[in-house]
Protein backbone atom coordinates (compact mmCIF):
# COMPACT_ATOMS: atom_id res chain seq x y z
CA UNK A 1 139.61 61.43 73.18
CA UNK A 2 139.60 63.98 70.27
CA UNK A 3 141.21 63.29 66.99
CA UNK A 4 141.18 66.23 64.51
CA UNK A 5 141.96 65.89 60.91
CA UNK A 6 143.29 68.44 58.43
CA UNK A 7 144.65 68.43 55.04
CA UNK A 8 142.10 67.19 52.93
CA UNK A 9 140.97 68.83 49.55
CA UNK A 10 140.60 68.78 45.79
CA UNK A 11 143.59 67.66 43.84
CA UNK A 12 144.21 66.49 40.30
CA UNK A 13 145.14 62.90 39.45
CA UNK A 14 148.72 62.38 39.98
CA UNK A 15 148.88 65.12 42.58
CA UNK A 16 149.74 64.71 46.50
CA UNK A 17 148.09 65.57 49.69
CA UNK A 18 149.31 65.29 53.09
CA UNK A 19 146.78 64.57 56.00
CA UNK A 20 147.40 65.30 59.66
CA UNK A 21 145.61 64.02 62.76
CA UNK A 22 146.08 65.82 66.02
CA UNK A 23 145.01 63.57 68.95
CA UNK A 24 144.24 64.64 72.51
CA UNK A 25 142.89 63.04 75.59
CA UNK A 26 144.89 59.77 75.14
CA UNK A 27 148.33 58.29 75.90
CA UNK A 28 149.45 58.83 72.44
CA UNK A 29 152.69 57.19 72.83
CA UNK A 30 151.03 53.72 73.51
CA UNK A 31 148.13 54.09 71.01
CA UNK A 32 147.80 52.34 67.71
CA UNK A 33 146.74 54.89 65.23
CA UNK A 34 145.48 54.56 61.53
CA UNK A 35 143.38 56.11 58.71
CA UNK A 36 140.10 54.67 57.29
CA UNK A 37 138.36 55.82 54.23
CA UNK A 38 134.89 55.52 52.94
CA UNK A 39 133.88 56.29 49.43
CA UNK A 40 130.03 57.02 48.43
CA UNK A 41 128.25 53.64 48.09
CA UNK A 42 131.24 51.59 49.29
CA UNK A 43 132.17 50.03 52.51
CA UNK A 44 134.67 51.59 54.84
CA UNK A 45 138.27 50.30 54.56
CA UNK A 46 141.50 50.55 56.66
CA UNK A 47 143.85 52.40 54.45
CA UNK A 48 147.11 52.43 56.86
CA UNK A 49 147.88 51.86 60.47
CA UNK A 50 150.92 52.34 62.65
CA UNK A 51 151.46 50.68 65.91
CA UNK A 52 152.23 52.50 69.07
CA UNK A 53 156.02 51.67 68.84
CA UNK A 54 156.11 52.73 65.18
CA UNK A 55 157.67 49.25 64.34
CA UNK A 56 154.67 47.77 62.73
CA UNK A 57 152.91 49.43 59.69
CA UNK A 58 150.06 48.34 57.47
CA UNK A 59 148.93 49.50 54.16
CA UNK A 60 145.86 48.58 52.03
CA UNK A 61 147.32 46.84 49.07
CA UNK A 62 145.89 49.44 46.61
CA UNK A 63 147.88 52.32 48.29
CA UNK A 64 151.05 50.49 49.04
CA UNK A 65 154.03 52.44 47.48
CA UNK A 66 151.98 55.69 47.22
CA UNK A 67 151.05 56.32 50.65
CA UNK A 68 153.14 56.73 53.77
CA UNK A 69 151.88 56.81 57.34
CA UNK A 70 154.01 58.23 60.13
CA UNK A 71 153.76 59.51 63.75
CA UNK A 72 155.26 62.08 65.79
CA UNK A 73 154.91 61.20 69.50
CA UNK A 74 156.23 64.65 70.60
CA UNK A 75 153.29 66.34 68.85
CA UNK A 76 150.75 63.68 69.33
CA UNK A 77 149.99 63.64 65.63
CA UNK A 78 149.97 61.20 62.82
CA UNK A 79 150.23 61.92 58.99
CA UNK A 80 149.28 60.38 55.91
CA UNK A 81 151.25 61.32 52.92
CA UNK A 82 149.56 60.52 49.73
CA UNK A 83 151.17 60.72 46.45
CA UNK A 84 150.31 59.73 42.73
CA UNK A 85 146.67 60.14 43.87
CA UNK A 86 144.01 58.63 41.63
CA UNK A 87 140.20 59.19 41.30
CA UNK A 88 139.54 56.06 43.12
CA UNK A 89 141.24 57.51 46.27
CA UNK A 90 138.30 60.08 46.43
CA UNK A 91 136.76 59.38 49.97
CA UNK A 92 136.31 60.84 53.38
CA UNK A 93 139.33 59.86 55.41
CA UNK A 94 139.03 59.34 59.02
CA UNK A 95 141.73 59.21 61.58
CA UNK A 96 141.29 56.52 64.17
CA UNK A 97 142.96 55.46 67.50
CA UNK A 98 143.00 52.62 69.84
CA UNK A 99 144.75 51.24 72.74
CA UNK A 100 147.37 48.76 71.79
CA UNK A 101 145.77 46.01 73.82
CA UNK A 102 142.35 46.09 72.04
CA UNK A 103 141.43 44.86 68.61
CA UNK A 104 139.04 47.33 67.48
CA UNK A 105 139.51 51.04 66.76
CA UNK A 106 137.08 52.81 69.19
CA UNK A 107 138.04 56.53 68.68
CA UNK A 108 137.30 58.27 65.30
CA UNK A 109 137.78 61.74 64.04
CA UNK A 110 135.23 63.73 62.15
CA UNK A 111 136.64 62.99 58.73
CA UNK A 112 138.08 65.02 55.97
CA UNK A 113 137.24 64.99 52.27
CA UNK A 114 139.70 64.13 49.72
CA UNK A 115 138.51 64.60 46.13
CA UNK A 116 140.84 63.55 43.27
CA UNK A 117 139.79 64.87 39.78
CA UNK A 118 140.62 63.11 36.45
């Protein structure tokens, strides 16, 4: 399984970024997908996830209303649209995947840095 994230970078507070994650080596249409992030000195946290059907979506409370996760099964790709970015969103963002019948995310991308300046 390979997950490749793109779209990170440096943005000013209030700006937007869109992360993409292209997946290969798995049956994408039945995979739950998500985004974790980890800031320096902080624990890793699940930011958003979207179930294989697209019918169930979770957001971390602090990003609700600002971030939107979506998936395109035809392109084996998920996206994270991030609006109204704040310095506290600065972190390495990781794309993750798992089979729908397991609990733990067992496939991880290499991560992409998102830096929000104040």
